[in-house]
Amino acid sequence: MAPTAAEWKIDPAKIDIVGFSAGGELAALTAMTYQNMRPETKKVDKNTPSAFLVHAAISVNFYLDLKKAVVSAELHVHYQ
């Protein structure tokens, strides 16, 4: 996306990705591999883009990895 941002007159610092359910997993994988695009190199570090997570379950591993890597992130857990 970012390599063609200038052509499309888009600020590459303002490109977001959104996903729900399985698409949310794909969005997280994309965020973790956006520099290398090789899934086997996925990691969360200070270069991982900021994340806003809404999660309907207890699993918060991705959020905790983001915070451990000092990446801006929010997690909203909704209980029914």
N, C-alpha and C. Protein backbone atom coordinates (compact mmCIF):
# COMPACT_ATOMS: atom_id res chain seq x y z
N MET A 1 0.82 -1.19 0.00
CA MET A 1 0.00 0.00 0.00
C MET A 1 0.86 1.26 0.00
N ALA A 2 1.79 1.35 0.93
CA ALA A 2 2.58 2.57 1.07
C ALA A 2 3.40 2.92 -0.17
N PRO A 3 3.95 1.95 -0.93
CA PRO A 3 4.74 2.33 -2.10
C PRO A 3 3.95 3.13 -3.14
N THR A 4 2.66 2.94 -3.23
CA THR A 4 1.85 3.67 -4.21
C THR A 4 1.05 4.81 -3.58
N ALA A 5 1.31 5.10 -2.31
CA ALA A 5 0.54 6.13 -1.61
C ALA A 5 0.68 7.49 -2.29
N ALA A 6 1.89 7.87 -2.69
CA ALA A 6 2.09 9.17 -3.33
C ALA A 6 1.30 9.26 -4.63
N GLU A 7 1.33 8.18 -5.40
CA GLU A 7 0.59 8.14 -6.66
C GLU A 7 -0.91 8.37 -6.42
N TRP A 8 -1.41 7.81 -5.32
CA TRP A 8 -2.83 7.94 -5.00
C TRP A 8 -3.13 9.14 -4.10
N LYS A 9 -2.08 9.94 -3.80
CA LYS A 9 -2.20 11.12 -2.94
C LYS A 9 -2.72 10.75 -1.55
N ILE A 10 -2.14 9.69 -0.99
CA ILE A 10 -2.50 9.20 0.35
C ILE A 10 -1.28 9.32 1.25
N ASP A 11 -1.48 9.84 2.45
CA ASP A 11 -0.39 9.91 3.43
C ASP A 11 -0.12 8.48 3.93
N PRO A 12 1.08 7.92 3.66
CA PRO A 12 1.35 6.54 4.07
C PRO A 12 1.31 6.33 5.58
N ALA A 13 1.43 7.41 6.35
CA ALA A 13 1.35 7.29 7.81
C ALA A 13 -0.10 7.17 8.28
N LYS A 14 -1.04 7.31 7.35
CA LYS A 14 -2.46 7.27 7.73
C LYS A 14 -3.21 6.14 7.04
N ILE A 15 -2.51 5.08 6.70
CA ILE A 15 -3.14 3.90 6.10
C ILE A 15 -3.50 2.94 7.24
N ASP A 16 -4.76 2.59 7.35
CA ASP A 16 -5.24 1.70 8.40
C ASP A 16 -5.73 0.39 7.80
N ILE A 17 -5.86 -0.59 8.65
CA ILE A 17 -6.44 -1.87 8.24
C ILE A 17 -7.45 -2.28 9.31
N VAL A 18 -8.57 -2.80 8.87
CA VAL A 18 -9.64 -3.20 9.77
C VAL A 18 -10.03 -4.63 9.43
N GLY A 19 -10.28 -5.42 10.43
CA GLY A 19 -10.74 -6.78 10.18
C GLY A 19 -11.63 -7.26 11.31
N PHE A 20 -12.55 -8.14 10.97
CA PHE A 20 -13.47 -8.70 11.94
C PHE A 20 -13.37 -10.22 11.88
N SER A 21 -13.39 -10.86 13.03
CA SER A 21 -13.34 -12.32 13.12
C SER A 21 -12.06 -12.81 12.44
N ALA A 22 -12.17 -13.68 11.45
CA ALA A 22 -10.96 -14.17 10.77
C ALA A 22 -10.22 -13.03 10.09
N GLY A 23 -10.95 -12.03 9.63
CA GLY A 23 -10.32 -10.85 9.03
C GLY A 23 -9.51 -10.06 10.04
N GLY A 24 -9.92 -10.11 11.31
CA GLY A 24 -9.14 -9.46 12.36
C GLY A 24 -7.80 -10.14 12.56
N GLU A 25 -7.80 -11.47 12.46
CA GLU A 25 -6.54 -12.21 12.55
C GLU A 25 -5.65 -11.85 11.36
N LEU A 26 -6.24 -11.75 10.18
CA LEU A 26 -5.48 -11.36 9.00
C LEU A 26 -4.95 -9.93 9.14
N ALA A 27 -5.74 -9.03 9.71
CA ALA A 27 -5.28 -7.66 9.93
C ALA A 27 -4.09 -7.63 10.89
N ALA A 28 -4.16 -8.41 11.97
CA ALA A 28 -3.03 -8.48 12.91
C ALA A 28 -1.80 -9.07 12.25
N LEU A 29 -1.97 -10.13 11.48
CA LEU A 29 -0.83 -10.74 10.77
C LEU A 29 -0.21 -9.74 9.81
N THR A 30 -1.04 -8.99 9.10
CA THR A 30 -0.54 -7.98 8.16
C THR A 30 0.24 -6.90 8.91
N ALA A 31 -0.28 -6.47 10.06
CA ALA A 31 0.41 -5.44 10.85
C ALA A 31 1.77 -5.93 11.33
N MET A 32 1.86 -7.22 11.65
CA MET A 32 3.12 -7.76 12.16
C MET A 32 4.12 -8.09 11.07
N THR A 33 3.67 -8.16 9.81
CA THR A 33 4.58 -8.55 8.72
C THR A 33 4.67 -7.49 7.63
N TYR A 34 4.14 -6.29 7.89
CA TYR A 34 4.04 -5.28 6.83
C TYR A 34 5.39 -4.88 6.25
N GLN A 35 6.48 -5.00 7.00
CA GLN A 35 7.78 -4.61 6.47
C GLN A 35 8.43 -5.73 5.67
N ASN A 36 8.14 -6.97 6.01
CA ASN A 36 8.81 -8.10 5.38
C ASN A 36 7.85 -8.95 4.55
N MET A 37 6.59 -8.98 4.93
CA MET A 37 5.54 -9.75 4.25
C MET A 37 5.80 -11.25 4.24
N ARG A 38 6.60 -11.73 5.15
CA ARG A 38 6.81 -13.18 5.27
C ARG A 38 6.21 -13.62 6.59
N PRO A 39 5.11 -14.38 6.56
CA PRO A 39 4.42 -14.76 7.80
C PRO A 39 5.31 -15.43 8.83
N GLU A 40 6.35 -16.14 8.40
CA GLU A 40 7.20 -16.82 9.38
C GLU A 40 8.05 -15.83 10.17
N THR A 41 8.08 -14.56 9.76
CA THR A 41 8.86 -13.55 10.49
C THR A 41 7.96 -12.64 11.33
N LYS A 42 6.72 -13.04 11.53
CA LYS A 42 5.80 -12.17 12.27
C LYS A 42 6.31 -11.93 13.68
N LYS A 43 6.23 -10.69 14.10
CA LYS A 43 6.65 -10.31 15.44
C LYS A 43 6.03 -8.97 15.77
N VAL A 44 5.97 -8.70 17.06
CA VAL A 44 5.52 -7.40 17.54
C VAL A 44 6.75 -6.71 18.10
N ASP A 45 7.06 -5.54 17.56
CA ASP A 45 8.16 -4.74 18.08
C ASP A 45 7.78 -3.27 17.98
N LYS A 46 8.72 -2.37 18.30
CA LYS A 46 8.40 -0.94 18.32
C LYS A 46 8.00 -0.39 16.96
N ASN A 47 8.27 -1.13 15.87
CA ASN A 47 7.90 -0.69 14.53
C ASN A 47 6.52 -1.17 14.09
N THR A 48 5.88 -1.99 14.92
CA THR A 48 4.53 -2.47 14.61
C THR A 48 3.57 -1.28 14.69
N PRO A 49 2.69 -1.13 13.71
CA PRO A 49 1.75 0.01 13.75
C PRO A 49 0.85 -0.05 14.98
N SER A 50 0.38 1.12 15.41
CA SER A 50 -0.55 1.20 16.54
C SER A 50 -1.77 0.34 16.27
N ALA A 51 -2.41 -0.10 17.34
CA ALA A 51 -3.57 -0.97 17.18
C ALA A 51 -4.70 -0.53 18.10
N PHE A 52 -5.90 -0.63 17.61
CA PHE A 52 -7.12 -0.44 18.39
C PHE A 52 -7.86 -1.77 18.30
N LEU A 53 -7.96 -2.48 19.40
CA LEU A 53 -8.53 -3.83 19.39
C LEU A 53 -9.85 -3.84 20.15
N VAL A 54 -10.85 -4.45 19.58
CA VAL A 54 -12.09 -4.75 20.27
C VAL A 54 -12.23 -6.25 20.21
N HIS A 55 -12.28 -6.87 21.37
CA HIS A 55 -12.23 -8.32 21.43
C HIS A 55 -13.36 -8.84 22.29
N ALA A 56 -14.01 -9.87 21.85
CA ALA A 56 -15.16 -10.39 22.59
C ALA A 56 -14.81 -11.63 23.40
N ALA A 57 -13.56 -11.88 23.65
CA ALA A 57 -13.13 -13.05 24.42
C ALA A 57 -12.05 -12.63 25.41
N ILE A 58 -11.54 -13.56 26.19
CA ILE A 58 -10.56 -13.28 27.23
C ILE A 58 -9.14 -13.19 26.67
N SER A 59 -8.86 -13.81 25.53
CA SER A 59 -7.51 -13.85 24.97
C SER A 59 -7.00 -12.45 24.67
N VAL A 60 -5.89 -12.07 25.27
CA VAL A 60 -5.32 -10.74 25.07
C VAL A 60 -3.83 -10.80 24.72
N ASN A 61 -3.39 -11.95 24.22
CA ASN A 61 -1.96 -12.12 23.95
C ASN A 61 -1.40 -11.07 22.99
N PHE A 62 -2.12 -10.78 21.90
CA PHE A 62 -1.64 -9.80 20.94
C PHE A 62 -1.51 -8.43 21.60
N TYR A 63 -2.53 -8.05 22.37
CA TYR A 63 -2.49 -6.77 23.09
C TYR A 63 -1.28 -6.72 24.03
N LEU A 64 -1.06 -7.78 24.79
CA LEU A 64 0.06 -7.81 25.72
C LEU A 64 1.40 -7.73 24.98
N ASP A 65 1.51 -8.39 23.83
CA ASP A 65 2.73 -8.30 23.03
C ASP A 65 2.96 -6.87 22.56
N LEU A 66 1.90 -6.20 22.12
CA LEU A 66 2.03 -4.81 21.69
C LEU A 66 2.51 -3.93 22.83
N LYS A 67 1.91 -4.07 24.01
CA LYS A 67 2.31 -3.26 25.15
C LYS A 67 3.75 -3.57 25.57
N LYS A 68 4.14 -4.84 25.53
CA LYS A 68 5.50 -5.23 25.88
C LYS A 68 6.51 -4.58 24.92
N ALA A 69 6.12 -4.41 23.67
CA ALA A 69 6.98 -3.81 22.66
C ALA A 69 6.85 -2.28 22.64
N VAL A 70 6.11 -1.72 23.60
CA VAL A 70 5.89 -0.28 23.72
C VAL A 70 5.23 0.28 22.45
N VAL A 71 4.21 -0.43 21.98
CA VAL A 71 3.42 -0.01 20.83
C VAL A 71 2.08 0.49 21.35
N SER A 72 1.62 1.62 20.83
CA SER A 72 0.34 2.17 21.24
C SER A 72 -0.77 1.19 20.89
N ALA A 73 -1.59 0.84 21.86
CA ALA A 73 -2.68 -0.11 21.62
C ALA A 73 -3.77 0.10 22.65
N GLU A 74 -4.99 -0.20 22.27
CA GLU A 74 -6.12 -0.20 23.19
C GLU A 74 -6.82 -1.54 23.07
N LEU A 75 -7.35 -2.01 24.17
CA LEU A 75 -8.12 -3.26 24.15
C LEU A 75 -9.43 -3.00 24.87
N HIS A 76 -10.52 -3.32 24.21
CA HIS A 76 -11.85 -3.17 24.81
C HIS A 76 -12.48 -4.56 24.85
N VAL A 77 -12.71 -5.06 26.04
CA VAL A 77 -13.29 -6.40 26.20
C VAL A 77 -14.74 -6.22 26.65
N HIS A 78 -15.65 -6.82 25.91
CA HIS A 78 -17.08 -6.70 26.23
C HIS A 78 -17.57 -8.05 26.72
N TYR A 79 -18.16 -8.04 27.90
CA TYR A 79 -18.74 -9.26 28.46
C TYR A 79 -20.25 -9.20 28.33
N GLN A 80 -20.86 -10.34 28.08
CA GLN A 80 -22.32 -10.38 27.97
C GLN A 80 -22.92 -10.94 29.23
